[in-house]
């Protein structure tokens, strides 16, 4: 026999009313009955209701959800496969790069193929015509246009090929001339003693001293050396420790 849900709810309501009216029951007994009523209500609420025909879910809705889940799983599988393929291709590319670098670094220069010969006329056949890049303006060693300040003559005493003595051989009229640019030999630094004259000025009634233009005021370093230090420090960025070593080694300055 199946008990109706409405009957159970009405019975529970009657029990609650009797508990309220009956004050002779001990408090612990009332609490126990209230707890039982609450448990029964919870169990009754969990009884599934009968669904009306119109509330029935349309057939195929659950199947559609399953289909969407399967499609999403398939897309995820495709994405994972593409990622794995991408990683594999990257690894192969890195390996090919390493092989190419090792091949070029381990190949001796003497074993370079003839078809890779560099320079103009790299086919090694026929007349070598200028097929390389054109020479850009300003490239190469420019001719010296400055007038020479010192002239030197090199005499030929012996043959540069066999070493035979040529000191008594008359030189030819033709000779070669070359222009060389060089710096002066490193010499000892100049130590200048400047005597500054003093005079009494009747205008301002003070003793004045002559100023020297060989160095900055209150400095024991000349203008030429100061200019060199500033250039090496500011323009070339050489630290003071190396500047001090340079001045000590080349000019004996401390």
Protein backbone atom coordinates (compact mmCIF):
# COMPACT_ATOMS: atom_id res chain seq x y z
CA UNK A 1 0.00 0.00 0.00
CA UNK A 2 1.45 3.32 -1.11
CA UNK A 3 1.03 6.27 1.29
CA UNK A 4 0.08 9.58 -0.24
CA UNK A 5 2.46 12.48 0.30
CA UNK A 6 -0.40 14.80 1.28
CA UNK A 7 -1.52 12.39 4.03
CA UNK A 8 1.99 12.31 5.49
CA UNK A 9 2.22 16.09 5.53
CA UNK A 10 -1.16 16.47 7.28
CA UNK A 11 -0.20 13.84 9.87
CA UNK A 12 3.06 15.65 10.60
CA UNK A 13 1.16 18.89 11.04
CA UNK A 14 -1.17 17.25 13.58
CA UNK A 15 1.82 15.91 15.51
CA UNK A 16 3.34 19.38 15.63
CA UNK A 17 0.09 20.87 16.91
CA UNK A 18 -0.18 18.24 19.65
CA UNK A 19 3.39 18.92 20.71
CA UNK A 20 2.56 22.59 21.07
CA UNK A 21 -0.63 21.93 23.06
CA UNK A 22 0.75 19.19 25.30
CA UNK A 23 3.00 20.92 27.81
CA UNK A 24 3.28 17.93 30.14
CA UNK A 25 5.85 16.15 27.96
CA UNK A 26 9.44 16.63 29.04
CA UNK A 27 11.55 18.96 26.96
CA UNK A 28 13.86 16.20 25.79
CA UNK A 29 10.89 14.15 24.52
CA UNK A 30 9.50 17.18 22.66
CA UNK A 31 12.92 17.77 21.11
CA UNK A 32 13.08 14.14 19.99
CA UNK A 33 9.63 14.33 18.35
CA UNK A 34 10.53 17.57 16.60
CA UNK A 35 13.69 15.97 15.28
CA UNK A 36 11.72 12.98 13.95
CA UNK A 37 9.19 15.27 12.28
CA UNK A 38 12.01 17.21 10.63
CA UNK A 39 13.64 14.01 9.35
CA UNK A 40 10.34 12.77 7.91
CA UNK A 41 9.79 16.10 6.15
CA UNK A 42 13.20 15.90 4.57
CA UNK A 43 12.55 12.37 3.37
CA UNK A 44 9.16 13.36 1.98
CA UNK A 45 10.64 16.27 0.08
CA UNK A 46 13.09 13.90 -1.58
CA UNK A 47 10.28 11.79 -3.08
CA UNK A 48 10.38 12.45 -6.85
CA UNK A 49 7.34 14.01 -8.37
CA UNK A 50 5.57 12.50 -11.28
CA UNK A 51 6.32 14.37 -14.43
CA UNK A 52 3.45 15.40 -16.59
CA UNK A 53 3.55 14.32 -20.21
CA UNK A 54 4.20 17.87 -21.29
CA UNK A 55 7.24 18.10 -18.97
CA UNK A 56 8.96 15.17 -20.58
CA UNK A 57 12.24 16.02 -22.13
CA UNK A 58 12.39 15.91 -25.84
CA UNK A 59 14.04 12.79 -27.14
CA UNK A 60 17.45 13.51 -28.55
CA UNK A 61 18.43 16.34 -26.16
CA UNK A 62 20.68 14.08 -24.11
CA UNK A 63 22.03 12.58 -27.31
CA UNK A 64 22.86 16.10 -28.56
CA UNK A 65 24.81 16.87 -25.36
CA UNK A 66 26.75 13.65 -25.72
CA UNK A 67 27.46 14.49 -29.34
CA UNK A 68 28.75 17.98 -28.40
CA UNK A 69 31.01 16.43 -25.75
CA UNK A 70 32.37 13.96 -28.27
CA UNK A 71 32.97 16.74 -30.79
CA UNK A 72 34.83 18.83 -28.18
CA UNK A 73 36.93 15.80 -27.27
CA UNK A 74 37.75 15.26 -30.93
CA UNK A 75 38.80 18.89 -31.40
CA UNK A 76 41.01 18.68 -28.32
CA UNK A 77 42.60 15.53 -29.69
CA UNK A 78 43.29 17.27 -33.02
CA UNK A 79 44.82 20.25 -31.20
CA UNK A 80 47.08 17.98 -29.16
CA UNK A 81 48.19 16.20 -32.34
CA UNK A 82 48.99 19.53 -34.01
CA UNK A 83 50.99 20.67 -30.99
CA UNK A 84 52.97 17.43 -30.97
CA UNK A 85 53.64 17.79 -34.71
CA UNK A 86 54.80 21.38 -34.18
CA UNK A 87 57.23 20.36 -31.43
CA UNK A 88 58.58 17.54 -33.60
CA UNK A 89 59.17 19.88 -36.56
CA UNK A 90 60.92 22.41 -34.30
CA UNK A 91 63.25 19.71 -32.98
CA UNK A 92 64.07 18.56 -36.53
CA UNK A 93 64.78 22.16 -37.60
CA UNK A 94 67.15 22.69 -34.65
CA UNK A 95 68.95 19.47 -35.51
CA UNK A 96 69.39 20.54 -39.15
CA UNK A 97 70.75 23.93 -38.06
CA UNK A 98 73.31 22.27 -35.77
CA UNK A 99 74.38 19.89 -38.56
CA UNK A 100 74.82 22.81 -40.99
CA UNK A 101 76.95 24.74 -38.49
CA UNK A 102 79.12 21.70 -37.73
CA UNK A 103 79.56 20.99 -41.44
CA UNK A 104 80.79 24.52 -42.16
CA UNK A 105 83.03 24.78 -39.08
CA UNK A 106 84.70 21.39 -39.60
CA UNK A 107 85.38 21.87 -43.33
CA UNK A 108 89.03 22.88 -44.01
CA UNK A 109 89.55 25.94 -46.15
CA UNK A 110 91.71 23.92 -48.57
CA UNK A 111 88.78 21.58 -49.24
CA UNK A 112 86.52 24.35 -50.42
CA UNK A 113 84.80 23.32 -53.69
CA UNK A 114 85.90 25.05 -56.85
CA UNK A 115 82.38 26.29 -57.56
CA UNK A 116 82.43 28.16 -54.26
CA UNK A 117 85.61 30.08 -55.07
CA UNK A 118 85.21 33.64 -53.94
CA UNK A 119 86.18 36.82 -55.70
CA UNK A 120 85.94 38.15 -59.20
CA UNK A 121 85.86 35.51 -61.94
CA UNK A 122 84.86 32.75 -59.56
CA UNK A 123 84.16 30.24 -62.31
CA UNK A 124 87.94 29.66 -62.68
CA UNK A 125 87.58 29.56 -66.47
CA UNK A 126 88.26 32.01 -69.29
CA UNK A 127 89.15 35.62 -68.81
CA UNK A 128 88.24 36.98 -65.40
CA UNK A 129 85.83 39.78 -65.93
CA UNK A 130 84.67 42.03 -63.15
CA UNK A 131 81.53 40.30 -61.95
CA UNK A 132 81.92 41.13 -58.29
CA UNK A 133 80.66 44.15 -56.41
CA UNK A 134 81.77 47.52 -57.58
CA UNK A 135 84.28 49.30 -55.44
CA UNK A 136 82.53 51.90 -53.32
CA UNK A 137 83.77 55.44 -53.02
CA UNK A 138 86.28 56.07 -50.25
CA UNK A 139 87.37 52.45 -49.93
CA UNK A 140 91.00 51.34 -49.79
CA UNK A 141 94.18 53.16 -48.84
CA UNK A 142 94.09 56.74 -50.12
CA UNK A 143 97.14 58.40 -51.59
CA UNK A 144 99.05 60.68 -49.27
CA UNK A 145 98.65 64.32 -50.27
CA UNK A 146 100.65 65.96 -47.48
CA UNK A 147 104.09 67.32 -48.23
CA UNK A 148 106.89 65.34 -46.55
CA UNK A 149 108.60 67.04 -43.63
CA UNK A 150 111.54 64.62 -43.49
CA UNK A 151 113.30 62.95 -46.41
CA UNK A 152 115.23 59.73 -46.00
CA UNK A 153 117.23 57.60 -48.45
CA UNK A 154 117.69 53.86 -48.12
CA UNK A 155 120.93 52.56 -49.67
CA UNK A 156 121.19 49.08 -51.10
CA UNK A 157 124.29 47.40 -49.66
CA UNK A 158 123.61 43.77 -50.56
CA UNK A 159 121.19 41.87 -52.76
CA UNK A 160 117.90 41.11 -51.06
CA UNK A 161 117.60 37.83 -53.00
CA UNK A 162 121.02 36.15 -52.83
CA UNK A 163 122.90 38.41 -50.39
CA UNK A 164 125.70 39.42 -52.85
CA UNK A 165 127.63 42.57 -51.91
CA UNK A 166 126.43 45.57 -53.97
CA UNK A 167 128.25 48.35 -52.17
CA UNK A 168 130.50 49.07 -55.19
CA UNK A 169 127.75 48.78 -57.80
CA UNK A 170 126.53 52.07 -59.28
CA UNK A 171 122.80 52.58 -58.51
CA UNK A 172 120.31 52.97 -61.34
CA UNK A 173 118.76 56.30 -62.22
CA UNK A 174 115.29 54.90 -61.58
CA UNK A 175 114.18 54.49 -57.95
CA UNK A 176 111.01 53.84 -55.99
CA UNK A 177 109.48 56.42 -53.67
CA UNK A 178 107.01 55.75 -50.87
CA UNK A 179 105.27 58.09 -48.44
CA UNK A 180 105.09 57.06 -44.77
CA UNK A 181 103.05 58.73 -42.05
CA UNK A 182 104.30 58.22 -38.51
CA UNK A 183 104.31 59.92 -35.13
CA UNK A 184 107.30 61.41 -33.39
CA UNK A 185 109.37 59.30 -31.06
CA UNK A 186 108.27 59.26 -27.44
CA UNK A 187 110.47 61.68 -25.57
CA UNK A 188 110.95 62.74 -21.98
CA UNK A 189 108.23 65.08 -20.69
CA UNK A 190 109.05 68.76 -20.50
CA UNK A 191 109.40 70.14 -16.99
CA UNK A 192 108.81 73.88 -17.16
CA UNK A 193 109.56 76.26 -14.33
CA UNK A 194 107.45 79.40 -14.64
CA UNK A 195 108.53 82.50 -12.75
CA UNK A 196 105.47 84.66 -12.14
CA UNK A 197 106.28 88.32 -11.80
CA UNK A 198 104.62 90.37 -9.05
CA UNK A 199 103.87 94.09 -9.09
CA UNK A 200 102.13 96.61 -6.91
CA UNK A 201 99.14 98.29 -8.57
CA UNK A 202 98.63 101.89 -7.44
CA UNK A 203 95.12 101.89 -8.88
CA UNK A 204 93.61 99.16 -6.69
CA UNK A 205 96.47 99.34 -4.22
CA UNK A 206 97.08 95.57 -4.31
CA UNK A 207 99.91 93.25 -5.26
CA UNK A 208 99.06 91.34 -8.45
CA UNK A 209 100.79 88.30 -9.98
CA UNK A 210 101.27 87.45 -13.66
CA UNK A 211 99.22 84.50 -14.93
CA UNK A 212 100.65 81.67 -17.01
CA UNK A 213 98.90 80.34 -20.10
CA UNK A 214 100.87 77.08 -20.10
CA UNK A 215 98.55 75.38 -17.59
CA UNK A 216 95.20 75.80 -15.91
CA UNK A 217 95.12 77.77 -12.63
CA UNK A 218 96.39 75.78 -9.63
CA UNK A 219 97.33 72.83 -11.87
CA UNK A 220 100.73 71.21 -12.32
CA UNK A 221 99.75 69.58 -15.64
CA UNK A 222 100.29 71.48 -18.88
CA UNK A 223 97.59 72.23 -21.42
CA UNK A 224 98.87 69.70 -23.95
CA UNK A 225 98.82 66.87 -21.42
CA UNK A 226 95.43 68.00 -20.10
CA UNK A 227 93.99 67.93 -23.63
CA UNK A 228 95.38 64.43 -24.23
CA UNK A 229 93.95 63.11 -20.94
CA UNK A 230 90.52 64.63 -21.64
CA UNK A 231 90.43 63.10 -25.11
CA UNK A 232 91.44 59.63 -23.94
CA UNK A 233 89.04 59.74 -21.00
CA UNK A 234 85.96 61.37 -22.55
CA UNK A 235 86.13 60.40 -26.24
CA UNK A 236 87.70 56.93 -25.98
CA UNK A 237 86.36 56.03 -22.53
CA UNK A 238 89.68 54.85 -21.10
CA UNK A 239 89.54 54.55 -17.29
CA UNK A 240 91.95 56.48 -15.06
CA UNK A 241 93.92 53.36 -14.10
CA UNK A 242 94.83 52.67 -17.73
CA UNK A 243 95.44 56.35 -18.35
CA UNK A 244 97.92 56.39 -15.49
CA UNK A 245 99.67 53.28 -16.83
CA UNK A 246 99.84 54.76 -20.35
CA UNK A 247 101.37 58.03 -19.14
CA UNK A 248 103.83 56.14 -16.95
CA UNK A 249 104.96 53.72 -19.70
CA UNK A 250 105.24 56.20 -22.57
CA UNK A 251 106.06 59.50 -20.87
CA UNK A 252 107.42 58.43 -17.45
CA UNK A 253 104.72 60.51 -15.75
CA UNK A 254 103.34 59.67 -12.34
